[in-house]
Amino acid sequence: MDIQKNRFVVQVIGWGVGGERWMVDRYNIKWASRDGEVAAVTVAPASRLEDWNLITTDVIGKPYPLAWDGSRRLLPALTAYDTAGEA
């Protein structure tokens, strides 16, 4: 994950035997609702601690179907992020 001023940039990589890897998904998290409101606001990771809760729901808790058995799903086993950019 790359933490930007107004979004989280997420890239999901699957790892196989012998170091083989695949790009599984790539997306931005740009919007969050506040206090149960329907209207969304732009995320601000550097100034709104509650925006980091989106990592739990939208990244760690996002299941991915297995290519050979769509009835089975995997959750991410590890997350890493880069925060050295401009806030």
PDB file of N, CA and C in Angstrom:
ATOM      1  N   MET A   1       0.836  -1.162   0.000  1.00  0.00           N
ATOM      2  CA  MET A   1       0.000   0.000   0.000  1.00  0.00           C
ATOM      3  C   MET A   1       0.887   1.234   0.000  1.00  0.00           C
ATOM      4  N   ASP A   2       0.475   2.223  -0.751  1.00  0.00           N
ATOM      5  CA  ASP A   2       1.184   3.495  -0.774  1.00  0.00           C
ATOM      6  C   ASP A   2       0.231   4.536  -0.200  1.00  0.00           C
ATOM      7  N   ILE A   3       0.651   5.214   0.843  1.00  0.00           N
ATOM      8  CA  ILE A   3      -0.191   6.195   1.514  1.00  0.00           C
ATOM      9  C   ILE A   3       0.042   7.558   0.877  1.00  0.00           C
ATOM     10  N   GLN A   4      -1.006   8.133   0.319  1.00  0.00           N
ATOM     11  CA  GLN A   4      -0.942   9.440  -0.317  1.00  0.00           C
ATOM     12  C   GLN A   4      -1.721  10.458   0.513  1.00  0.00           C
ATOM     13  N   LYS A   5      -1.630  11.708   0.134  1.00  0.00           N
ATOM     14  CA  LYS A   5      -2.308  12.784   0.862  1.00  0.00           C
ATOM     15  C   LYS A   5      -3.818  12.571   0.934  1.00  0.00           C
ATOM     16  N   ASN A   6      -4.419  12.103  -0.165  1.00  0.00           N
ATOM     17  CA  ASN A   6      -5.873  11.999  -0.219  1.00  0.00           C
ATOM     18  C   ASN A   6      -6.382  10.621  -0.650  1.00  0.00           C
ATOM     19  N   ARG A   7      -5.571   9.582  -0.442  1.00  0.00           N
ATOM     20  CA  ARG A   7      -6.009   8.230  -0.803  1.00  0.00           C
ATOM     21  C   ARG A   7      -5.001   7.193  -0.309  1.00  0.00           C
ATOM     22  N   PHE A   8      -5.467   5.961  -0.274  1.00  0.00           N
ATOM     23  CA  PHE A   8      -4.610   4.801  -0.077  1.00  0.00           C
ATOM     24  C   PHE A   8      -4.535   4.103  -1.434  1.00  0.00           C
ATOM     25  N   VAL A   9      -3.340   3.836  -1.931  1.00  0.00           N
ATOM     26  CA  VAL A   9      -3.167   3.107  -3.183  1.00  0.00           C
ATOM     27  C   VAL A   9      -2.831   1.666  -2.804  1.00  0.00           C
ATOM     28  N   VAL A  10      -3.703   0.750  -3.182  1.00  0.00           N
ATOM     29  CA  VAL A  10      -3.579  -0.649  -2.763  1.00  0.00           C
ATOM     30  C   VAL A  10      -3.199  -1.511  -3.956  1.00  0.00           C
ATOM     31  N   GLN A  11      -2.226  -2.381  -3.745  1.00  0.00           N
ATOM     32  CA  GLN A  11      -1.833  -3.365  -4.751  1.00  0.00           C
ATOM     33  C   GLN A  11      -1.767  -4.711  -4.049  1.00  0.00           C
ATOM     34  N   VAL A  12      -2.498  -5.689  -4.565  1.00  0.00           N
ATOM     35  CA  VAL A  12      -2.546  -7.022  -3.963  1.00  0.00           C
ATOM     36  C   VAL A  12      -1.763  -7.971  -4.857  1.00  0.00           C
ATOM     37  N   ILE A  13      -0.814  -8.678  -4.257  1.00  0.00           N
ATOM     38  CA  ILE A  13       0.036  -9.617  -4.988  1.00  0.00           C
ATOM     39  C   ILE A  13      -0.132 -10.999  -4.375  1.00  0.00           C
ATOM     40  N   GLY A  14      -0.317 -11.999  -5.231  1.00  0.00           N
ATOM     41  CA  GLY A  14      -0.377 -13.390  -4.788  1.00  0.00           C
ATOM     42  C   GLY A  14       0.969 -14.047  -5.033  1.00  0.00           C
ATOM     43  N   TRP A  15       1.413 -14.841  -4.055  1.00  0.00           N
ATOM     44  CA  TRP A  15       2.706 -15.520  -4.158  1.00  0.00           C
ATOM     45  C   TRP A  15       2.498 -17.020  -4.285  1.00  0.00           C
ATOM     46  N   GLY A  16       3.286 -17.645  -5.164  1.00  0.00           N
ATOM     47  CA  GLY A  16       3.195 -19.080  -5.378  1.00  0.00           C
ATOM     48  C   GLY A  16       4.501 -19.777  -5.047  1.00  0.00           C
ATOM     49  N   VAL A  17       4.548 -21.033  -5.390  1.00  0.00           N
ATOM     50  CA  VAL A  17       5.719 -21.869  -5.138  1.00  0.00           C
ATOM     51  C   VAL A  17       6.913 -21.334  -5.922  1.00  0.00           C
ATOM     52  N   GLY A  18       8.083 -21.340  -5.314  1.00  0.00           N
ATOM     53  CA  GLY A  18       9.302 -20.922  -5.990  1.00  0.00           C
ATOM     54  C   GLY A  18       9.397 -19.431  -6.251  1.00  0.00           C
ATOM     55  N   GLY A  19       8.635 -18.632  -5.515  1.00  0.00           N
ATOM     56  CA  GLY A  19       8.706 -17.187  -5.676  1.00  0.00           C
ATOM     57  C   GLY A  19       7.865 -16.633  -6.821  1.00  0.00           C
ATOM     58  N   GLU A  20       7.088 -17.500  -7.471  1.00  0.00           N
ATOM     59  CA  GLU A  20       6.201 -17.025  -8.536  1.00  0.00           C
ATOM     60  C   GLU A  20       5.178 -16.066  -7.929  1.00  0.00           C
ATOM     61  N   ARG A  21       4.841 -15.011  -8.656  1.00  0.00           N
ATOM     62  CA  ARG A  21       3.880 -14.049  -8.111  1.00  0.00           C
ATOM     63  C   ARG A  21       2.978 -13.502  -9.207  1.00  0.00           C
ATOM     64  N   TRP A  22       1.806 -13.025  -8.767  1.00  0.00           N
ATOM     65  CA  TRP A  22       0.801 -12.496  -9.681  1.00  0.00           C
ATOM     66  C   TRP A  22       0.200 -11.235  -9.104  1.00  0.00           C
ATOM     67  N   MET A  23      -0.126 -10.296  -9.980  1.00  0.00           N
ATOM     68  CA  MET A  23      -0.904  -9.128  -9.586  1.00  0.00           C
ATOM     69  C   MET A  23      -2.353  -9.599  -9.491  1.00  0.00           C
ATOM     70  N   VAL A  24      -2.929  -9.497  -8.309  1.00  0.00           N
ATOM     71  CA  VAL A  24      -4.294  -9.952  -8.073  1.00  0.00           C
ATOM     72  C   VAL A  24      -5.285  -8.795  -8.198  1.00  0.00           C
ATOM     73  N   ASP A  25      -4.913  -7.640  -7.667  1.00  0.00           N
ATOM     74  CA  ASP A  25      -5.829  -6.496  -7.652  1.00  0.00           C
ATOM     75  C   ASP A  25      -5.028  -5.217  -7.445  1.00  0.00           C
ATOM     76  N   ARG A  26      -5.571  -4.112  -7.926  1.00  0.00           N
ATOM     77  CA  ARG A  26      -4.974  -2.793  -7.683  1.00  0.00           C
ATOM     78  C   ARG A  26      -6.108  -1.788  -7.680  1.00  0.00           C
ATOM     79  N   TYR A  27      -6.173  -0.977  -6.620  1.00  0.00           N
ATOM     80  CA  TYR A  27      -7.263  -0.009  -6.510  1.00  0.00           C
ATOM     81  C   TYR A  27      -6.883   1.105  -5.548  1.00  0.00           C
ATOM     82  N   ASN A  28      -7.642   2.188  -5.602  1.00  0.00           N
ATOM     83  CA  ASN A  28      -7.463   3.324  -4.697  1.00  0.00           C
ATOM     84  C   ASN A  28      -8.628   3.377  -3.723  1.00  0.00           C
ATOM     85  N   ILE A  29      -8.332   3.728  -2.493  1.00  0.00           N
ATOM     86  CA  ILE A  29      -9.374   4.020  -1.513  1.00  0.00           C
ATOM     87  C   ILE A  29      -9.352   5.530  -1.348  1.00  0.00           C
ATOM     88  N   LYS A  30     -10.389   6.187  -1.850  1.00  0.00           N
ATOM     89  CA  LYS A  30     -10.435   7.650  -1.865  1.00  0.00           C
ATOM     90  C   LYS A  30     -11.523   8.237  -0.984  1.00  0.00           C
ATOM     91  N   TRP A  31     -12.538   7.445  -0.659  1.00  0.00           N
ATOM     92  CA  TRP A  31     -13.716   7.988   0.019  1.00  0.00           C
ATOM     93  C   TRP A  31     -14.011   7.262   1.321  1.00  0.00           C
ATOM     94  N   ALA A  32     -14.536   7.993   2.278  1.00  0.00           N
ATOM     95  CA  ALA A  32     -14.957   7.427   3.564  1.00  0.00           C
ATOM     96  C   ALA A  32     -16.214   8.147   4.013  1.00  0.00           C
ATOM     97  N   SER A  33     -17.098   7.419   4.686  1.00  0.00           N
ATOM     98  CA  SER A  33     -18.272   8.078   5.267  1.00  0.00           C
ATOM     99  C   SER A  33     -17.917   8.472   6.697  1.00  0.00           C
ATOM    100  N   ARG A  34     -18.554   9.485   7.194  1.00  0.00           N
ATOM    101  CA  ARG A  34     -18.282   9.992   8.540  1.00  0.00           C
ATOM    102  C   ARG A  34     -19.503   9.830   9.426  1.00  0.00           C
ATOM    103  N   ASP A  35     -19.320   9.260  10.583  1.00  0.00           N
ATOM    104  CA  ASP A  35     -20.379   9.147  11.587  1.00  0.00           C
ATOM    105  C   ASP A  35     -21.667   8.577  11.014  1.00  0.00           C
ATOM    106  N   GLY A  36     -21.561   7.556  10.174  1.00  0.00           N
ATOM    107  CA  GLY A  36     -22.735   6.904   9.624  1.00  0.00           C
ATOM    108  C   GLY A  36     -23.451   7.671   8.535  1.00  0.00           C
ATOM    109  N   GLU A  37     -22.906   8.781   8.096  1.00  0.00           N
ATOM    110  CA  GLU A  37     -23.544   9.566   7.036  1.00  0.00           C
ATOM    111  C   GLU A  37     -23.432   8.839   5.700  1.00  0.00           C
ATOM    112  N   VAL A  38     -24.409   9.054   4.848  1.00  0.00           N
ATOM    113  CA  VAL A  38     -24.406   8.434   3.529  1.00  0.00           C
ATOM    114  C   VAL A  38     -23.400   9.119   2.611  1.00  0.00           C
ATOM    115  N   ALA A  39     -23.297  10.424   2.682  1.00  0.00           N
ATOM    116  CA  ALA A  39     -22.371  11.171   1.833  1.00  0.00           C
ATOM    117  C   ALA A  39     -20.930  10.844   2.210  1.00  0.00           C
ATOM    118  N   ALA A  40     -20.103  10.633   1.214  1.00  0.00           N
ATOM    119  CA  ALA A  40     -18.699  10.303   1.452  1.00  0.00           C
ATOM    120  C   ALA A  40     -17.831  11.548   1.350  1.00  0.00           C
ATOM    121  N   VAL A  41     -16.719  11.510   2.075  1.00  0.00           N
ATOM    122  CA  VAL A  41     -15.732  12.586   2.012  1.00  0.00           C
ATOM    123  C   VAL A  41     -14.390  11.983   1.617  1.00  0.00           C
ATOM    124  N   THR A  42     -13.518  12.806   1.075  1.00  0.00           N
ATOM    125  CA  THR A  42     -12.190  12.353   0.681  1.00  0.00           C
ATOM    126  C   THR A  42     -11.395  11.930   1.909  1.00  0.00           C
ATOM    127  N   VAL A  43     -10.694  10.804   1.797  1.00  0.00           N
ATOM    128  CA  VAL A  43      -9.868  10.362   2.918  1.00  0.00           C
ATOM    129  C   VAL A  43      -8.662  11.283   3.073  1.00  0.00           C
ATOM    130  N   ALA A  44      -8.163  11.368   4.289  1.00  0.00           N
ATOM    131  CA  ALA A  44      -6.984  12.178   4.603  1.00  0.00           C
ATOM    132  C   ALA A  44      -6.160  11.414   5.637  1.00  0.00           C
ATOM    133  N   PRO A  45      -5.378  10.427   5.200  1.00  0.00           N
ATOM    134  CA  PRO A  45      -4.646   9.566   6.125  1.00  0.00           C
ATOM    135  C   PRO A  45      -3.731  10.303   7.099  1.00  0.00           C
ATOM    136  N   ALA A  46      -3.163  11.425   6.687  1.00  0.00           N
ATOM    137  CA  ALA A  46      -2.230  12.145   7.561  1.00  0.00           C
ATOM    138  C   ALA A  46      -2.936  12.905   8.678  1.00  0.00           C
ATOM    139  N   SER A  47      -4.203  13.223   8.500  1.00  0.00           N
ATOM    140  CA  SER A  47      -4.888  14.046   9.501  1.00  0.00           C
ATOM    141  C   SER A  47      -6.122  13.405  10.128  1.00  0.00           C
ATOM    142  N   ARG A  48      -6.617  12.319   9.566  1.00  0.00           N
ATOM    143  CA  ARG A  48      -7.807  11.666  10.124  1.00  0.00           C
ATOM    144  C   ARG A  48      -7.491  10.221  10.478  1.00  0.00           C
ATOM    145  N   LEU A  49      -7.271   9.974  11.736  1.00  0.00           N
ATOM    146  CA  LEU A  49      -6.922   8.634  12.207  1.00  0.00           C
ATOM    147  C   LEU A  49      -7.981   7.610  11.819  1.00  0.00           C
ATOM    148  N   GLU A  50      -9.250   7.988  11.841  1.00  0.00           N
ATOM    149  CA  GLU A  50     -10.324   7.043  11.533  1.00  0.00           C
ATOM    150  C   GLU A  50     -10.263   6.528  10.096  1.00  0.00           C
ATOM    151  N   ASP A  51      -9.604   7.239   9.198  1.00  0.00           N
ATOM    152  CA  ASP A  51      -9.479   6.752   7.821  1.00  0.00           C
ATOM    153  C   ASP A  51      -8.662   5.470   7.750  1.00  0.00           C
ATOM    154  N   TRP A  52      -7.782   5.266   8.710  1.00  0.00           N
ATOM    155  CA  TRP A  52      -6.972   4.044   8.733  1.00  0.00           C
ATOM    156  C   TRP A  52      -7.823   2.812   9.011  1.00  0.00           C
ATOM    157  N   ASN A  53      -9.015   2.974   9.560  1.00  0.00           N
ATOM    158  CA  ASN A  53      -9.920   1.837   9.758  1.00  0.00           C
ATOM    159  C   ASN A  53     -10.335   1.219   8.431  1.00  0.00           C
ATOM    160  N   LEU A  54     -10.270   1.992   7.356  1.00  0.00           N
ATOM    161  CA  LEU A  54     -10.602   1.467   6.033  1.00  0.00           C
ATOM    162  C   LEU A  54      -9.651   0.350   5.613  1.00  0.00           C
ATOM    163  N   ILE A  55      -8.442   0.361   6.141  1.00  0.00           N
ATOM    164  CA  ILE A  55      -7.483  -0.699   5.812  1.00  0.00           C
ATOM    165  C   ILE A  55      -8.012  -2.046   6.296  1.00  0.00           C
ATOM    166  N   THR A  56      -8.614  -2.057   7.475  1.00  0.00           N
ATOM    167  CA  THR A  56      -9.169  -3.300   8.014  1.00  0.00           C
ATOM    168  C   THR A  56     -10.325  -3.799   7.158  1.00  0.00           C
ATOM    169  N   THR A  57     -11.251  -2.922   6.830  1.00  0.00           N
ATOM    170  CA  THR A  57     -12.440  -3.354   6.088  1.00  0.00           C
ATOM    171  C   THR A  57     -12.196  -3.535   4.595  1.00  0.00           C
ATOM    172  N   ASP A  58     -11.442  -2.642   3.983  1.00  0.00           N
ATOM    173  CA  ASP A  58     -11.313  -2.635   2.523  1.00  0.00           C
ATOM    174  C   ASP A  58     -10.058  -3.317   1.985  1.00  0.00           C
ATOM    175  N   VAL A  59      -9.143  -3.705   2.870  1.00  0.00           N
ATOM    176  CA  VAL A  59      -7.916  -4.377   2.418  1.00  0.00           C
ATOM    177  C   VAL A  59      -7.762  -5.719   3.139  1.00  0.00           C
ATOM    178  N   ILE A  60      -7.532  -5.688   4.437  1.00  0.00           N
ATOM    179  CA  ILE A  60      -7.293  -6.915   5.207  1.00  0.00           C
ATOM    180  C   ILE A  60      -8.503  -7.840   5.167  1.00  0.00           C
ATOM    181  N   GLY A  61      -9.701  -7.275   5.189  1.00  0.00           N
ATOM    182  CA  GLY A  61     -10.918  -8.079   5.202  1.00  0.00           C
ATOM    183  C   GLY A  61     -11.520  -8.355   3.840  1.00  0.00           C
ATOM    184  N   LYS A  62     -10.810  -8.024   2.761  1.00  0.00           N
ATOM    185  CA  LYS A  62     -11.350  -8.229   1.410  1.00  0.00           C
ATOM    186  C   LYS A  62     -10.957  -9.615   0.900  1.00  0.00           C
ATOM    187  N   PRO A  63     -11.936 -10.516   0.732  1.00  0.00           N
ATOM    188  CA  PRO A  63     -11.618 -11.875   0.270  1.00  0.00           C
ATOM    189  C   PRO A  63     -11.436 -11.940  -1.250  1.00  0.00           C
ATOM    190  N   TYR A  64     -10.560 -12.845  -1.682  1.00  0.00           N
ATOM    191  CA  TYR A  64     -10.306 -13.059  -3.105  1.00  0.00           C
ATOM    192  C   TYR A  64     -10.571 -14.521  -3.444  1.00  0.00           C
ATOM    193  N   PRO A  65     -11.363 -14.788  -4.507  1.00  0.00           N
ATOM    194  CA  PRO A  65     -11.661 -16.178  -4.878  1.00  0.00           C
ATOM    195  C   PRO A  65     -10.425 -16.866  -5.457  1.00  0.00           C
ATOM    196  N   LEU A  66     -10.315 -18.156  -5.196  1.00  0.00           N
ATOM    197  CA  LEU A  66      -9.242 -18.945  -5.792  1.00  0.00           C
ATOM    198  C   LEU A  66      -9.541 -19.143  -7.273  1.00  0.00           C
ATOM    199  N   ALA A  67      -8.517 -19.099  -8.106  1.00  0.00           N
ATOM    200  CA  ALA A  67      -8.701 -19.233  -9.552  1.00  0.00           C
ATOM    201  C   ALA A  67      -9.286 -20.596  -9.918  1.00  0.00           C
ATOM    202  N   TRP A  68      -8.915 -21.643  -9.217  1.00  0.00           N
ATOM    203  CA  TRP A  68      -9.349 -22.989  -9.556  1.00  0.00           C
ATOM    204  C   TRP A  68     -10.605 -23.428  -8.799  1.00  0.00           C
ATOM    205  N   ASP A  69     -11.049 -22.611  -7.833  1.00  0.00           N
ATOM    206  CA  ASP A  69     -12.257 -22.955  -7.073  1.00  0.00           C
ATOM    207  C   ASP A  69     -12.886 -21.668  -6.547  1.00  0.00           C
ATOM    208  N   GLY A  70     -13.771 -21.087  -7.329  1.00  0.00           N
ATOM    209  CA  GLY A  70     -14.388 -19.815  -6.985  1.00  0.00           C
ATOM    210  C   GLY A  70     -15.230 -19.844  -5.721  1.00  0.00           C
ATOM    211  N   SER A  71     -15.540 -21.048  -5.221  1.00  0.00           N
ATOM    212  CA  SER A  71     -16.317 -21.135  -3.981  1.00  0.00           C
ATOM    213  C   SER A  71     -15.435 -20.937  -2.746  1.00  0.00           C
ATOM    214  N   ARG A  72     -14.123 -20.995  -2.940  1.00  0.00           N
ATOM    215  CA  ARG A  72     -13.180 -20.787  -1.832  1.00  0.00           C
ATOM    216  C   ARG A  72     -12.503 -19.437  -2.000  1.00  0.00           C
ATOM    217  N   ARG A  73     -12.227 -18.790  -0.866  1.00  0.00           N
ATOM    218  CA  ARG A  73     -11.632 -17.450  -0.907  1.00  0.00           C
ATOM    219  C   ARG A  73     -10.471 -17.350   0.076  1.00  0.00           C
ATOM    220  N   LEU A  74      -9.549 -16.459  -0.252  1.00  0.00           N
ATOM    221  CA  LEU A  74      -8.411 -16.175   0.620  1.00  0.00           C
ATOM    222  C   LEU A  74      -8.447 -14.718   1.047  1.00  0.00           C
ATOM    223  N   LEU A  75      -8.013 -14.469   2.276  1.00  0.00           N
ATOM    224  CA  LEU A  75      -7.823 -13.110   2.770  1.00  0.00           C
ATOM    225  C   LEU A  75      -6.335 -12.792   2.734  1.00  0.00           C
ATOM    226  N   PRO A  76      -5.959 -11.532   2.601  1.00  0.00           N
ATOM    227  CA  PRO A  76      -4.536 -11.183   2.657  1.00  0.00           C
ATOM    228  C   PRO A  76      -3.900 -11.666   3.962  1.00  0.00           C
ATOM    229  N   ALA A  77      -2.706 -12.231   3.847  1.00  0.00           N
ATOM    230  CA  ALA A  77      -1.993 -12.735   5.018  1.00  0.00           C
ATOM    231  C   ALA A  77      -1.033 -11.702   5.589  1.00  0.00           C
ATOM    232  N   LEU A  78      -0.669 -10.713   4.799  1.00  0.00           N
ATOM    233  CA  LEU A  78       0.315  -9.719   5.211  1.00  0.00           C
ATOM    234  C   LEU A  78       0.001  -8.398   4.521  1.00  0.00           C
ATOM    235  N   THR A  79       0.155  -7.314   5.232  1.00  0.00           N
ATOM    236  CA  THR A  79       0.034  -5.993   4.607  1.00  0.00           C
ATOM    237  C   THR A  79       1.286  -5.193   4.922  1.00  0.00           C
ATOM    238  N   ALA A  80       1.682  -4.372   3.973  1.00  0.00           N
ATOM    239  CA  ALA A  80       2.832  -3.481   4.154  1.00  0.00           C
ATOM    240  C   ALA A  80       2.475  -2.159   3.504  1.00  0.00           C
ATOM    241  N   TYR A  81       3.092  -1.091   3.976  1.00  0.00           N
ATOM    242  CA  TYR A  81       2.775   0.211   3.409  1.00  0.00           C
ATOM    243  C   TYR A  81       3.971   1.134   3.439  1.00  0.00           C
ATOM    244  N   ASP A  82       3.934   2.100   2.516  1.00  0.00           N
ATOM    245  CA  ASP A  82       4.971   3.117   2.376  1.00  0.00           C
ATOM    246  C   ASP A  82       4.351   4.446   2.790  1.00  0.00           C
ATOM    247  N   THR A  83       4.951   5.104   3.771  1.00  0.00           N
ATOM    248  CA  THR A  83       4.413   6.384   4.243  1.00  0.00           C
ATOM    249  C   THR A  83       5.419   7.517   4.099  1.00  0.00           C
ATOM    250  N   ALA A  84       6.446   7.326   3.301  1.00  0.00           N
ATOM    251  CA  ALA A  84       7.505   8.330   3.220  1.00  0.00           C
ATOM    252  C   ALA A  84       7.188   9.467   2.251  1.00  0.00           C
ATOM    253  N   GLY A  85       6.002   9.464   1.678  1.00  0.00           N
ATOM    254  CA  GLY A  85       5.651  10.493   0.703  1.00  0.00           C
ATOM    255  C   GLY A  85       5.205  11.791   1.338  1.00  0.00           C
ATOM    256  N   GLU A  86       4.740  12.673   0.492  1.00  0.00           N
ATOM    257  CA  GLU A  86       4.288  13.995   0.917  1.00  0.00           C
ATOM    258  C   GLU A  86       2.912  13.906   1.568  1.00  0.00           C
ATOM    259  N   ALA A  87       2.745  14.546   2.712  1.00  0.00           N
ATOM    260  CA  ALA A  87       1.447  14.541   3.399  1.00  0.00           C
ATOM    261  C   ALA A  87       0.719  15.732   3.049  1.00  0.00           C
TER     262      ALA A  87
END
